[in-house]
Amino acid sequence: MPVSPVSPPATASTATASTAASHGSRSASTLAPMLAPLFAHYDTVVLPAWTGPGWHAGRQLAHEALDGASGQPRPDQRFRAMACARQLFVFARAGNLDHARTLFGSLQRYFGDGAGAWIYSVDAAGAALDVTRDLYTHAFVIFAAAHYFRAAGDPQALTVLRHTVDVVEQRFANGNGLYHAALAEDFGDSGAGVLQNPIMHLTEAYLAALAATGDSGFATRLRALASAVHDTFVDPATGCIAELPQGAAGNRIEPGHQFEWYALVKTSPALFDGTPLPAALERAYAFARRFGVSDEDTMGVPAALRADGDLLDGAQRIWAQTEFARALGIRGTIGGDESALRDLARWIGAFRVRFLHPLGWHEVLAPDGSVSRAEMPSTTPYHLLTAYDALRALP
């Protein structure tokens, strides 16, 4: 059922925290009634929006964003391959294979070269706009193709997956165990260097590819990648994975990414066992929980911290909230941490009140709870789904 839009009065969020705290020890099963409204909102509000007003029938693509107040499409300036791939993942997981099949065709028609290389975006008319070869985009194509193959059994999805992996390994690899974040159209050096975020999503994509294909080569690459990420991005003092390589000017810690990495690695413990990343992420989780969740009532996660834990950017993006929830659920069930389940109970109540509304969601809140970005991008259902999938799986 849809939830009501509320900018959180202190009484509502305080009541949520008090109720959760009063329950003391909490098992995952007792959270099911609290989670049900979130799942119902996703199934009855979020998903239908992207086959209804969010669907551009002429382009056979999702609009880039819906207006938060009206639920109607905002004017399209571009369509991104990454956004199409995320929508493909969402509808493959939802079992709407007809819509997924259409998205899979549009992904190839607008953005691919047929040999595993992808451009970043097309314009509103469907013509090539940004022809950058972007690792983030390629990672999401692999991720979506893996999930589409598992859902539909379409052999073309495996072809797309393997061709894209070949391009990533042959073109993006930097020779030091990592990958260029972006390259020019001809795969020449664009000066982008290596960045944490696209490599994290490549890790996610290779985990999905391993599950879809059973190819042990993905496991080998993931273990090597984990060690390279540790050596390049992990802050020795905190265990956190920084956005830029250690020593780079202007570096920062994003709590949401600590929680996201934690979830990815902790759900495949045998695969990553023996690499230095799991131990680092235990410390990163503790750091992000201590410094990145300062308000125990709202459980809001800010965008960025300095390496010493001081706040750098207090904006609360919805994806960081969902990654916190995913990490809490995994830590509580796999790790047996009852305090994480108590945190999750507080998070559920606060998130529902603060971020969800009858037409969808608020994309970004200011620290005081006011809405600072109201439009609803087509990419966000992916974030909701990955968190909700983990929470649906709670025993």
Protein backbone atom coordinates (compact mmCIF):
# COMPACT_ATOMS: atom_id res chain seq x y z
CA MET A 1 0.00 0.00 0.00
CA PRO A 2 1.28 3.54 -0.65
CA VAL A 3 2.63 5.47 2.27
CA SER A 4 1.87 9.04 3.14
CA PRO A 5 4.28 11.88 2.33
CA VAL A 6 5.74 13.37 5.49
CA SER A 7 8.70 15.61 6.11
CA PRO A 8 9.60 13.96 9.36
CA PRO A 9 8.36 15.72 12.47
CA ALA A 10 10.56 14.86 15.42
CA THR A 11 7.66 13.15 17.15
CA ALA A 12 7.20 10.61 14.35
CA SER A 13 10.84 9.60 14.05
CA THR A 14 11.37 9.66 17.82
CA ALA A 15 8.39 7.37 18.26
CA THR A 16 9.86 4.98 15.70
CA ALA A 17 13.19 4.88 17.52
CA SER A 18 11.53 4.46 20.91
CA THR A 19 9.32 1.64 19.69
CA ALA A 20 12.27 -0.19 18.16
CA ALA A 21 14.40 0.26 21.25
CA SER A 22 11.60 -1.05 23.49
CA HIS A 23 11.67 -4.38 21.68
CA GLY A 24 15.21 -5.06 22.85
CA SER A 25 16.50 -8.23 21.23
CA ARG A 26 14.94 -8.57 17.79
CA SER A 27 14.96 -11.45 15.35
CA ALA A 28 14.85 -10.86 11.62
CA SER A 29 11.43 -12.52 11.37
CA THR A 30 9.81 -9.88 13.57
CA LEU A 31 10.73 -7.23 11.00
CA ALA A 32 8.52 -8.75 8.30
CA PRO A 33 5.37 -6.76 9.20
CA MET A 34 7.42 -3.56 9.22
CA LEU A 35 8.95 -4.33 5.85
CA ALA A 36 5.70 -5.28 4.13
CA PRO A 37 4.58 -1.66 3.45
CA LEU A 38 7.95 -0.91 1.81
CA PHE A 39 7.62 -3.87 -0.50
CA ALA A 40 3.98 -3.04 -1.27
CA HIS A 41 4.93 0.55 -2.12
CA TYR A 42 7.58 -0.73 -4.52
CA ASP A 43 5.24 -3.22 -6.19
CA THR A 44 2.21 -0.95 -6.48
CA VAL A 45 3.76 2.51 -6.90
CA VAL A 46 7.38 2.37 -8.05
CA LEU A 47 7.26 -0.41 -10.65
CA PRO A 48 4.02 0.68 -12.37
CA ALA A 49 5.38 4.21 -12.77
CA TRP A 50 7.99 2.94 -15.24
CA THR A 51 5.58 1.06 -17.47
CA GLY A 52 3.12 3.95 -17.23
CA PRO A 53 4.07 7.64 -17.22
CA GLY A 54 7.77 6.80 -17.00
CA TRP A 55 7.76 4.89 -20.28
CA HIS A 56 8.55 6.72 -23.54
CA ALA A 57 6.69 4.50 -26.00
CA GLY A 58 8.10 6.31 -29.02
CA ARG A 59 11.71 5.77 -27.98
CA GLN A 60 11.08 2.42 -26.26
CA LEU A 61 13.09 3.72 -23.32
CA ALA A 62 12.30 4.90 -19.82
CA HIS A 63 12.21 8.65 -19.38
CA GLU A 64 15.25 9.86 -17.49
CA ALA A 65 13.15 11.17 -14.59
CA LEU A 66 9.63 11.78 -13.32
CA ASP A 67 8.51 14.91 -11.52
CA GLY A 68 8.20 14.26 -7.81
CA ALA A 69 5.08 16.40 -7.39
CA SER A 70 3.04 15.22 -10.38
CA GLY A 71 4.54 11.83 -11.26
CA GLN A 72 4.74 12.94 -14.89
CA PRO A 73 7.86 12.85 -17.09
CA ARG A 74 10.34 15.66 -16.89
CA PRO A 75 11.61 16.89 -20.28
CA ASP A 76 14.18 14.46 -21.68
CA GLN A 77 17.55 15.95 -22.53
CA ARG A 78 19.19 12.57 -22.96
CA PHE A 79 18.83 8.83 -22.38
CA ARG A 80 21.71 6.95 -20.76
CA ALA A 81 22.78 3.39 -21.43
CA MET A 82 23.33 2.86 -17.72
CA ALA A 83 19.75 3.93 -16.97
CA CYS A 84 18.40 1.53 -19.61
CA ALA A 85 20.50 -1.30 -18.14
CA ARG A 86 19.24 -0.61 -14.63
CA GLN A 87 15.65 -0.67 -15.85
CA LEU A 88 16.40 -3.96 -17.62
CA PHE A 89 17.63 -5.41 -14.33
CA VAL A 90 14.56 -4.16 -12.46
CA PHE A 91 12.03 -5.66 -14.87
CA ALA A 92 13.96 -8.90 -15.32
CA ARG A 93 13.89 -9.35 -11.54
CA ALA A 94 10.22 -8.40 -11.45
CA GLY A 95 9.41 -11.15 -13.96
CA ASN A 96 8.00 -8.72 -16.53
CA LEU A 97 9.91 -10.41 -19.32
CA ASP A 98 8.06 -8.72 -22.17
CA HIS A 99 9.12 -5.30 -20.89
CA ALA A 100 12.61 -6.58 -20.11
CA ARG A 101 12.91 -7.93 -23.65
CA THR A 102 11.98 -4.52 -25.06
CA LEU A 103 14.57 -2.82 -22.87
CA PHE A 104 17.21 -5.34 -23.90
CA GLY A 105 16.52 -4.57 -27.55
CA SER A 106 16.63 -0.80 -26.94
CA LEU A 107 19.89 -1.11 -25.04
CA GLN A 108 21.54 -2.75 -28.03
CA ARG A 109 19.88 -0.58 -30.66
CA TYR A 110 20.71 2.82 -29.18
CA PHE A 111 23.91 2.30 -27.23
CA GLY A 112 25.87 -0.75 -28.41
CA ASP A 113 28.15 -1.48 -31.34
CA GLY A 114 27.30 -5.19 -31.43
CA ALA A 115 30.75 -6.17 -30.23
CA GLY A 116 30.60 -5.30 -26.52
CA ALA A 117 31.36 -1.57 -26.60
CA TRP A 118 28.79 0.97 -25.41
CA ILE A 119 28.36 4.72 -25.56
CA TYR A 120 27.25 6.75 -22.59
CA SER A 121 24.10 8.45 -23.91
CA VAL A 122 21.87 9.47 -26.80
CA ASP A 123 19.92 12.69 -27.13
CA ALA A 124 16.16 13.15 -26.89
CA ALA A 125 15.81 12.14 -30.55
CA GLY A 126 17.82 8.95 -30.04
CA ALA A 127 21.01 10.13 -31.78
CA ALA A 128 24.42 9.56 -30.22
CA LEU A 129 25.18 12.28 -27.69
CA ASP A 130 28.04 11.34 -25.35
CA VAL A 131 30.20 8.68 -26.97
CA THR A 132 32.53 8.23 -24.01
CA ARG A 133 33.43 4.63 -23.22
CA ASP A 134 32.43 4.61 -19.58
CA LEU A 135 33.35 1.73 -17.25
CA TYR A 136 30.30 2.38 -15.08
CA THR A 137 28.08 1.89 -18.14
CA HIS A 138 29.83 -1.29 -19.24
CA ALA A 139 29.57 -2.71 -15.70
CA PHE A 140 25.81 -2.18 -15.65
CA VAL A 141 25.39 -3.79 -19.06
CA ILE A 142 27.14 -6.91 -17.74
CA PHE A 143 25.06 -6.82 -14.55
CA ALA A 144 21.76 -6.40 -16.39
CA ALA A 145 22.57 -9.01 -19.03
CA ALA A 146 23.40 -11.52 -16.30
CA HIS A 147 20.09 -10.98 -14.54
CA TYR A 148 18.13 -10.94 -17.78
CA PHE A 149 19.71 -14.24 -18.81
CA ARG A 150 18.82 -15.82 -15.47
CA ALA A 151 15.22 -14.58 -15.76
CA ALA A 152 14.55 -15.20 -19.46
CA GLY A 153 17.18 -17.70 -20.61
CA ASP A 154 17.83 -15.55 -23.69
CA PRO A 155 21.16 -16.76 -25.17
CA GLN A 156 21.72 -13.31 -26.70
CA ALA A 157 22.07 -11.98 -23.17
CA LEU A 158 25.05 -14.27 -22.61
CA THR A 159 26.57 -13.09 -25.88
CA VAL A 160 26.21 -9.46 -24.83
CA LEU A 161 27.64 -10.29 -21.41
CA ARG A 162 30.72 -12.05 -22.72
CA HIS A 163 31.46 -9.51 -25.44
CA THR A 164 31.21 -6.68 -22.91
CA VAL A 165 33.47 -8.50 -20.46
CA ASP A 166 36.01 -8.92 -23.25
CA VAL A 167 35.95 -5.19 -23.94
CA VAL A 168 36.37 -4.39 -20.24
CA GLU A 169 39.31 -6.76 -19.86
CA GLN A 170 41.02 -5.89 -23.13
CA ARG A 171 40.37 -2.15 -23.28
CA PHE A 172 39.73 -0.79 -19.79
CA ALA A 173 42.32 -2.78 -17.80
CA ASN A 174 45.15 -0.48 -16.72
CA GLY A 175 47.83 -3.14 -16.26
CA ASN A 176 47.88 -2.77 -12.47
CA GLY A 177 44.88 -4.93 -11.62
CA LEU A 178 42.35 -2.10 -11.95
CA TYR A 179 40.50 -0.31 -14.75
CA HIS A 180 40.26 3.12 -16.31
CA ALA A 181 37.06 4.86 -15.27
CA ALA A 182 36.44 6.18 -18.79
CA LEU A 183 38.07 6.19 -22.20
CA ALA A 184 37.57 8.11 -25.44
CA GLU A 185 35.33 6.72 -28.17
CA ASP A 186 38.36 5.05 -29.78
CA PHE A 187 39.39 3.71 -26.35
CA GLY A 188 42.21 6.22 -26.09
CA ASP A 189 43.21 7.60 -22.71
CA SER A 190 40.80 10.31 -21.56
CA GLY A 191 42.70 11.17 -18.39
CA ALA A 192 39.95 9.81 -16.15
CA GLY A 193 42.27 7.54 -14.17
CA VAL A 194 40.86 4.96 -11.77
CA LEU A 195 37.88 5.61 -9.51
CA GLN A 196 36.34 3.47 -6.81
CA ASN A 197 32.70 3.66 -7.84
CA PRO A 198 32.80 2.08 -11.32
CA ILE A 199 35.11 -0.63 -9.98
CA MET A 200 32.63 -1.39 -7.21
CA HIS A 201 29.88 -1.80 -9.81
CA LEU A 202 32.16 -3.96 -11.93
CA THR A 203 32.60 -6.15 -8.84
CA GLU A 204 28.81 -6.31 -8.55
CA ALA A 205 28.54 -7.14 -12.25
CA TYR A 206 31.13 -9.91 -12.09
CA LEU A 207 29.35 -11.43 -9.07
CA ALA A 208 26.16 -11.48 -11.13
CA ALA A 209 28.03 -12.92 -14.14
CA LEU A 210 29.51 -15.66 -11.95
CA ALA A 211 26.03 -16.57 -10.69
CA ALA A 212 24.62 -16.58 -14.21
CA THR A 213 27.39 -18.55 -15.93
CA GLY A 214 29.21 -20.54 -13.26
CA ASP A 215 32.44 -19.50 -14.99
CA SER A 216 35.21 -19.73 -12.38
CA GLY A 217 37.19 -17.14 -14.29
CA PHE A 218 34.96 -14.48 -12.74
CA ALA A 219 35.83 -15.76 -9.27
CA THR A 220 39.54 -15.53 -10.05
CA ARG A 221 39.18 -11.98 -11.36
CA LEU A 222 37.07 -10.93 -8.37
CA ARG A 223 39.67 -12.13 -5.87
CA ALA A 224 42.44 -10.29 -7.71
CA LEU A 225 40.25 -7.21 -7.96
CA ALA A 226 39.55 -7.26 -4.22
CA SER A 227 43.27 -7.20 -3.47
CA ALA A 228 43.91 -4.41 -5.97
CA VAL A 229 41.06 -2.32 -4.52
CA HIS A 230 42.48 -2.83 -1.04
CA ASP A 231 45.96 -1.79 -2.08
CA THR A 232 44.81 1.29 -4.00
CA PHE A 233 41.75 2.69 -2.23
CA VAL A 234 41.67 1.49 1.39
CA ASP A 235 42.61 4.00 4.07
CA PRO A 236 44.92 2.12 6.47
CA ALA A 237 43.67 4.18 9.42
CA THR A 238 39.96 3.37 9.03
CA GLY A 239 39.62 0.51 6.55
CA CYS A 240 37.36 2.72 4.43
CA ILE A 241 37.38 2.54 0.64
CA ALA A 242 37.94 6.10 -0.55
CA GLU A 243 36.49 7.49 -3.76
CA LEU A 244 39.93 8.24 -5.20
CA PRO A 245 43.22 6.38 -4.83
CA GLN A 246 44.93 6.97 -1.51
CA GLY A 247 47.00 10.16 -1.57
CA ALA A 248 44.87 11.87 -4.23
CA ALA A 249 43.92 15.48 -3.59
CA GLY A 250 40.29 16.09 -2.67
CA ASN A 251 39.64 12.54 -1.57
CA ARG A 252 36.55 11.67 0.48
CA ILE A 253 34.75 8.81 2.17
CA GLU A 254 31.16 8.06 1.18
CA PRO A 255 29.40 6.11 3.96
CA GLY A 256 26.92 4.68 1.46
CA HIS A 257 29.74 3.09 -0.49
CA GLN A 258 31.20 1.51 2.66
CA PHE A 259 27.82 -0.11 3.29
CA GLU A 260 27.52 -1.12 -0.37
CA TRP A 261 30.94 -2.73 -0.49
CA TYR A 262 30.22 -4.44 2.83
CA ALA A 263 27.04 -6.00 1.41
CA LEU A 264 28.70 -7.17 -1.80
CA VAL A 265 31.63 -8.84 -0.06
CA LYS A 266 29.75 -10.28 2.92
CA THR A 267 27.24 -12.07 0.71
CA SER A 268 30.10 -14.00 -0.96
CA PRO A 269 32.37 -14.78 2.00
CA ALA A 270 33.98 -17.91 0.58
CA LEU A 271 34.88 -16.13 -2.64
CA PHE A 272 36.66 -13.25 -0.90
CA ASP A 273 38.16 -15.30 1.94
CA GLY A 274 41.92 -14.87 2.08
CA THR A 275 41.86 -11.43 0.49
CA PRO A 276 42.43 -8.39 2.73
CA LEU A 277 39.14 -6.73 1.83
CA PRO A 278 36.69 -8.42 4.25
CA ALA A 279 38.67 -7.40 7.34
CA ALA A 280 39.03 -3.85 6.04
CA LEU A 281 35.29 -3.66 5.43
CA GLU A 282 34.51 -4.65 9.01
CA ARG A 283 36.41 -1.54 10.06
CA ALA A 284 34.84 0.52 7.27
CA TYR A 285 31.36 -0.51 8.40
CA ALA A 286 32.14 0.53 11.98
CA PHE A 287 33.52 3.89 10.79
CA ALA A 288 30.54 4.59 8.54
CA ARG A 289 28.09 3.56 11.25
CA ARG A 290 29.81 5.79 13.84
CA PHE A 291 30.41 8.92 11.78
CA GLY A 292 27.94 8.52 8.91
CA VAL A 293 24.76 7.91 10.90
CA SER A 294 24.80 10.71 13.44
CA ASP A 295 21.05 10.96 14.13
CA GLU A 296 19.70 7.81 15.76
CA ASP A 297 16.10 8.93 15.17
CA THR A 298 16.24 9.57 11.43
CA MET A 299 19.05 7.06 10.70
CA GLY A 300 19.96 9.39 7.85
CA VAL A 301 23.19 8.68 5.96
CA PRO A 302 25.04 11.76 4.59
CA ALA A 303 26.77 11.87 1.23
CA ALA A 304 30.41 12.27 2.25
CA LEU A 305 32.86 12.47 5.13
CA ARG A 306 36.46 13.50 5.46
CA ALA A 307 38.97 10.81 6.34
CA ASP A 308 38.83 11.87 10.00
CA GLY A 309 35.05 11.43 10.12
CA ASP A 310 34.10 15.09 9.89
CA LEU A 311 31.08 15.84 7.74
CA LEU A 312 31.91 16.95 4.21
CA ASP A 313 28.50 16.78 2.49
CA GLY A 314 25.35 16.43 4.57
CA ALA A 315 22.93 15.75 1.71
CA GLN A 316 21.05 12.48 2.26
CA ARG A 317 20.67 10.65 -1.05
CA ILE A 318 18.16 7.85 -1.15
CA TRP A 319 20.65 5.29 -2.47
CA ALA A 320 22.89 5.72 0.58
CA GLN A 321 19.92 5.02 2.85
CA THR A 322 19.06 1.83 0.99
CA GLU A 323 22.67 0.62 1.09
CA PHE A 324 22.71 1.16 4.84
CA ALA A 325 19.58 -0.98 5.15
CA ARG A 326 21.06 -3.72 2.98
CA ALA A 327 24.21 -3.79 5.10
CA LEU A 328 22.18 -3.85 8.32
CA GLY A 329 20.12 -6.79 7.12
CA ILE A 330 23.16 -8.76 6.03
CA ARG A 331 25.09 -7.95 9.18
CA GLY A 332 22.15 -8.90 11.35
CA THR A 333 21.45 -12.24 9.68
CA ILE A 334 24.79 -13.46 8.34
CA GLY A 335 26.81 -11.85 11.10
CA GLY A 336 24.33 -12.45 13.94
CA ASP A 337 24.54 -8.82 15.07
CA GLU A 338 21.32 -8.08 16.99
CA SER A 339 22.20 -4.39 17.25
CA ALA A 340 22.12 -4.24 13.44
CA LEU A 341 18.58 -5.63 13.44
CA ARG A 342 17.54 -3.06 16.04
CA ASP A 343 19.09 -0.38 13.82
CA LEU A 344 17.18 -1.80 10.87
CA ALA A 345 13.89 -1.54 12.75
CA ARG A 346 14.55 2.15 13.36
CA TRP A 347 15.63 2.62 9.75
CA ILE A 348 12.44 1.07 8.35
CA GLY A 349 10.16 3.46 10.20
CA ALA A 350 12.23 6.54 9.49
CA PHE A 351 12.81 5.74 5.82
CA ARG A 352 9.16 5.10 5.13
CA VAL A 353 8.15 8.44 6.64
CA ARG A 354 11.01 10.54 5.32
CA PHE A 355 11.68 9.25 1.80
CA LEU A 356 8.54 7.59 0.41
CA HIS A 357 5.32 9.21 -0.79
CA PRO A 358 2.24 8.12 -2.76
CA LEU A 359 3.79 8.93 -6.15
CA GLY A 360 7.22 7.45 -5.41
CA TRP A 361 10.11 8.86 -3.44
CA HIS A 362 12.22 11.87 -2.56
CA GLU A 363 15.62 11.54 -4.21
CA VAL A 364 17.62 13.76 -1.82
CA LEU A 365 16.84 15.26 1.58
CA ALA A 366 18.71 18.00 3.35
CA PRO A 367 19.99 17.19 6.86
CA ASP A 368 16.91 18.90 8.34
CA GLY A 369 14.59 16.59 6.40
CA SER A 370 13.48 19.09 3.78
CA VAL A 371 13.36 17.91 0.18
CA SER A 372 16.32 19.23 -1.79
CA ARG A 373 15.88 17.10 -4.93
CA ALA A 374 12.38 15.97 -5.70
CA GLU A 375 12.57 14.43 -9.17
CA MET A 376 12.56 10.65 -9.43
CA PRO A 377 15.31 9.32 -11.73
CA SER A 378 14.75 6.10 -13.65
CA THR A 379 17.94 4.75 -12.09
CA THR A 380 16.69 4.73 -8.49
CA PRO A 381 14.40 1.66 -8.62
CA TYR A 382 17.62 -0.35 -8.97
CA HIS A 383 18.79 0.93 -5.57
CA LEU A 384 15.45 0.20 -3.96
CA LEU A 385 15.37 -3.28 -5.43
CA THR A 386 18.86 -4.37 -4.41
CA ALA A 387 18.10 -3.35 -0.82
CA TYR A 388 14.62 -4.84 -0.81
CA ASP A 389 15.92 -8.10 -2.31
CA ALA A 390 18.31 -8.41 0.64
CA LEU A 391 15.57 -7.53 3.12
CA ARG A 392 13.06 -9.92 1.54
CA ALA A 393 15.62 -12.68 2.04
CA LEU A 394 15.83 -12.16 5.81
CA PRO A 395 15.10 -15.52 7.49
